[in-house]
C-alpha atoms as a PDB file:
ATOM      1  CA  UNK A   1      -0.014  -0.123  -0.060  1.00  0.00           C
ATOM      2  CA  UNK A   2       2.827   2.593   0.664  1.00  0.00           C
ATOM      3  CA  UNK A   3       4.437   1.731  -2.358  1.00  0.00           C
ATOM      4  CA  UNK A   4       1.625   2.527  -4.601  1.00  0.00           C
ATOM      5  CA  UNK A   5       1.136   5.641  -2.989  1.00  0.00           C
ATOM      6  CA  UNK A   6       4.629   7.030  -3.120  1.00  0.00           C
ATOM      7  CA  UNK A   7       4.066   5.765  -6.899  1.00  0.00           C
ATOM      8  CA  UNK A   8       0.997   7.787  -7.262  1.00  0.00           C
ATOM      9  CA  UNK A   9       2.909  10.508  -5.262  1.00  0.00           C
ATOM     10  CA  UNK A  10       5.927  10.082  -7.696  1.00  0.00           C
ATOM     11  CA  UNK A  11       3.933  10.463 -11.133  1.00  0.00           C
ATOM     12  CA  UNK A  12       2.737  13.830 -12.082  1.00  0.00           C
ATOM     13  CA  UNK A  13       6.322  15.215 -11.490  1.00  0.00           C
ATOM     14  CA  UNK A  14       7.505  12.779 -13.925  1.00  0.00           C
ATOM     15  CA  UNK A  15       4.607  13.219 -16.430  1.00  0.00           C
ATOM     16  CA  UNK A  16       5.081  17.281 -16.333  1.00  0.00           C
ATOM     17  CA  UNK A  17       8.718  16.547 -17.658  1.00  0.00           C
ATOM     18  CA  UNK A  18       9.318  16.819 -21.395  1.00  0.00           C
ATOM     19  CA  UNK A  19      11.435  14.535 -24.010  1.00  0.00           C
ATOM     20  CA  UNK A  20      14.022  17.895 -24.063  1.00  0.00           C
ATOM     21  CA  UNK A  21      13.574  19.315 -20.987  1.00  0.00           C
ATOM     22  CA  UNK A  22      17.636  20.452 -19.725  1.00  0.00           C
ATOM     23  CA  UNK A  23      20.116  22.881 -19.857  1.00  0.00           C
ATOM     24  CA  UNK A  24      22.413  22.747 -23.031  1.00  0.00           C
ATOM     25  CA  UNK A  25      25.290  24.189 -23.640  1.00  0.00           C
ATOM     26  CA  UNK A  26      25.584  27.435 -26.131  1.00  0.00           C
ATOM     27  CA  UNK A  27      29.585  26.617 -26.488  1.00  0.00           C
ATOM     28  CA  UNK A  28      31.749  23.957 -25.314  1.00  0.00           C
ATOM     29  CA  UNK A  29      33.193  26.588 -22.823  1.00  0.00           C
ATOM     30  CA  UNK A  30      29.649  27.922 -21.987  1.00  0.00           C
ATOM     31  CA  UNK A  31      28.526  28.442 -18.415  1.00  0.00           C
ATOM     32  CA  UNK A  32      25.741  26.340 -17.718  1.00  0.00           C
ATOM     33  CA  UNK A  33      24.754  28.213 -14.863  1.00  0.00           C
ATOM     34  CA  UNK A  34      23.624  31.214 -16.693  1.00  0.00           C
ATOM     35  CA  UNK A  35      20.870  31.009 -19.136  1.00  0.00           C
ATOM     36  CA  UNK A  36      19.420  33.009 -21.745  1.00  0.00           C
ATOM     37  CA  UNK A  37      23.007  35.375 -22.137  1.00  0.00           C
ATOM     38  CA  UNK A  38      25.694  35.412 -24.340  1.00  0.00           C
ATOM     39  CA  UNK A  39      28.515  32.598 -22.983  1.00  0.00           C
ATOM     40  CA  UNK A  40      25.595  30.687 -21.600  1.00  0.00           C
ATOM     41  CA  UNK A  41      22.937  27.733 -21.594  1.00  0.00           C
ATOM     42  CA  UNK A  42      19.835  27.705 -23.467  1.00  0.00           C
ATOM     43  CA  UNK A  43      16.776  25.451 -21.659  1.00  0.00           C
ATOM     44  CA  UNK A  44      13.743  24.023 -21.527  1.00  0.00           C
ATOM     45  CA  UNK A  45      11.697  23.451 -18.951  1.00  0.00           C
ATOM     46  CA  UNK A  46       7.788  22.567 -18.873  1.00  0.00           C
ATOM     47  CA  UNK A  47       7.914  22.838 -23.030  1.00  0.00           C
ATOM     48  CA  UNK A  48       8.912  26.507 -23.041  1.00  0.00           C
ATOM     49  CA  UNK A  49      12.685  27.109 -24.743  1.00  0.00           C
ATOM     50  CA  UNK A  50      14.390  29.763 -23.083  1.00  0.00           C
ATOM     51  CA  UNK A  51      17.179  30.918 -25.549  1.00  0.00           C
ATOM     52  CA  UNK A  52      19.331  34.581 -25.515  1.00  0.00           C
ATOM     53  CA  UNK A  53      16.587  37.309 -24.613  1.00  0.00           C
ATOM     54  CA  UNK A  54      13.870  35.177 -25.605  1.00  0.00           C
ATOM     55  CA  UNK A  55      11.488  32.512 -25.254  1.00  0.00           C
ATOM     56  CA  UNK A  56       9.537  30.350 -27.315  1.00  0.00           C
ATOM     57  CA  UNK A  57       6.590  28.204 -25.881  1.00  0.00           C
ATOM     58  CA  UNK A  58       6.408  24.779 -27.902  1.00  0.00           C
ATOM     59  CA  UNK A  59       2.996  23.852 -29.103  1.00  0.00           C
ATOM     60  CA  UNK A  60       1.389  21.866 -31.301  1.00  0.00           C
ATOM     61  CA  UNK A  61       4.072  18.871 -31.180  1.00  0.00           C
ATOM     62  CA  UNK A  62       4.138  16.455 -33.974  1.00  0.00           C
ATOM     63  CA  UNK A  63       5.888  13.139 -34.330  1.00  0.00           C
ATOM     64  CA  UNK A  64       8.345  12.958 -37.404  1.00  0.00           C
ATOM     65  CA  UNK A  65       7.871   9.955 -39.065  1.00  0.00           C
ATOM     66  CA  UNK A  66      10.533   7.050 -38.986  1.00  0.00           C
ATOM     67  CA  UNK A  67      12.701   9.202 -36.520  1.00  0.00           C
ATOM     68  CA  UNK A  68      12.377  10.515 -33.160  1.00  0.00           C
ATOM     69  CA  UNK A  69      12.052  13.632 -33.747  1.00  0.00           C
ATOM     70  CA  UNK A  70       9.049  16.035 -32.579  1.00  0.00           C
ATOM     71  CA  UNK A  71       8.371  19.322 -34.920  1.00  0.00           C
ATOM     72  CA  UNK A  72       6.911  22.695 -32.771  1.00  0.00           C
ATOM     73  CA  UNK A  73       5.151  25.154 -33.758  1.00  0.00           C
ATOM     74  CA  UNK A  74       7.245  28.167 -31.605  1.00  0.00           C
ATOM     75  CA  UNK A  75       5.320  30.569 -29.615  1.00  0.00           C
ATOM     76  CA  UNK A  76       8.492  33.195 -29.536  1.00  0.00           C
ATOM     77  CA  UNK A  77       8.572  36.691 -27.523  1.00  0.00           C
ATOM     78  CA  UNK A  78      12.059  38.454 -27.093  1.00  0.00           C
ATOM     79  CA  UNK A  79      13.154  42.410 -27.629  1.00  0.00           C
ATOM     80  CA  UNK A  80      10.228  43.620 -27.687  1.00  0.00           C
ATOM     81  CA  UNK A  81       9.241  41.008 -30.844  1.00  0.00           C
ATOM     82  CA  UNK A  82       7.321  38.153 -31.033  1.00  0.00           C
ATOM     83  CA  UNK A  83       7.003  35.825 -33.980  1.00  0.00           C
ATOM     84  CA  UNK A  84       6.579  32.507 -34.871  1.00  0.00           C
ATOM     85  CA  UNK A  85       8.503  29.086 -36.371  1.00  0.00           C
ATOM     86  CA  UNK A  86       8.649  25.276 -37.010  1.00  0.00           C
ATOM     87  CA  UNK A  87      11.226  24.256 -35.223  1.00  0.00           C
ATOM     88  CA  UNK A  88      12.258  19.627 -35.147  1.00  0.00           C
ATOM     89  CA  UNK A  89      13.856  18.606 -31.752  1.00  0.00           C
ATOM     90  CA  UNK A  90      15.784  15.614 -30.901  1.00  0.00           C
ATOM     91  CA  UNK A  91      18.490  13.557 -28.799  1.00  0.00           C
ATOM     92  CA  UNK A  92      21.635  13.666 -30.385  1.00  0.00           C
ATOM     93  CA  UNK A  93      22.169  10.050 -29.725  1.00  0.00           C
ATOM     94  CA  UNK A  94      26.141  10.586 -29.915  1.00  0.00           C
ATOM     95  CA  UNK A  95      26.522  12.500 -27.062  1.00  0.00           C
ATOM     96  CA  UNK A  96      22.837  12.855 -25.284  1.00  0.00           C
ATOM     97  CA  UNK A  97      22.693  16.857 -25.650  1.00  0.00           C
ATOM     98  CA  UNK A  98      20.094  17.886 -28.324  1.00  0.00           C
ATOM     99  CA  UNK A  99      19.693  18.763 -32.246  1.00  0.00           C
ATOM    100  CA  UNK A 100      17.340  21.764 -32.752  1.00  0.00           C
ATOM    101  CA  UNK A 101      16.576  22.943 -36.115  1.00  0.00           C
ATOM    102  CA  UNK A 102      14.964  25.801 -37.444  1.00  0.00           C
ATOM    103  CA  UNK A 103      13.903  26.758 -40.679  1.00  0.00           C
ATOM    104  CA  UNK A 104      17.571  26.584 -42.874  1.00  0.00           C
ATOM    105  CA  UNK A 105      19.614  26.434 -39.474  1.00  0.00           C
ATOM    106  CA  UNK A 106      20.632  22.923 -37.679  1.00  0.00           C
ATOM    107  CA  UNK A 107      21.825  23.225 -33.968  1.00  0.00           C
ATOM    108  CA  UNK A 108      23.688  20.870 -31.831  1.00  0.00           C
ATOM    109  CA  UNK A 109      24.612  21.321 -28.295  1.00  0.00           C
ATOM    110  CA  UNK A 110      25.902  19.511 -25.003  1.00  0.00           C
ATOM    111  CA  UNK A 111      23.415  18.913 -21.827  1.00  0.00           C
ATOM    112  CA  UNK A 112      25.240  20.380 -19.608  1.00  0.00           C
ATOM    113  CA  UNK A 113      25.751  18.090 -15.853  1.00  0.00           C
ATOM    114  CA  UNK A 114      22.301  17.488 -14.279  1.00  0.00           C
ATOM    115  CA  UNK A 115      23.163  19.124 -11.136  1.00  0.00           C
ATOM    116  CA  UNK A 116      24.085  22.499 -13.541  1.00  0.00           C
ATOM    117  CA  UNK A 117      20.226  24.381 -12.566  1.00  0.00           C
END
């Protein structure tokens, strides 16, 4: 009975974590504790992508056929502007990081250590 209660207590927190949640280095020597600034890191948390001076709500996820990737409608705001873009995200099988593809641009980010943020 106690195990069942613990399982139900943990389930809601597991359900909220997205497949790409984490902190990612913009460059090899990026500071993982500085999210959203030049020289720092990027973060995905609760379906929001936090970039440099901007954030995007990741909406309408669509699984890409025959790939372990997800296509999102990104509704972004930053620097007194708002825009929408589509982006495809997938886990980098080589490094455990993230591959993010925007129209005409592809980025590969290494994941920060779990205790970075």
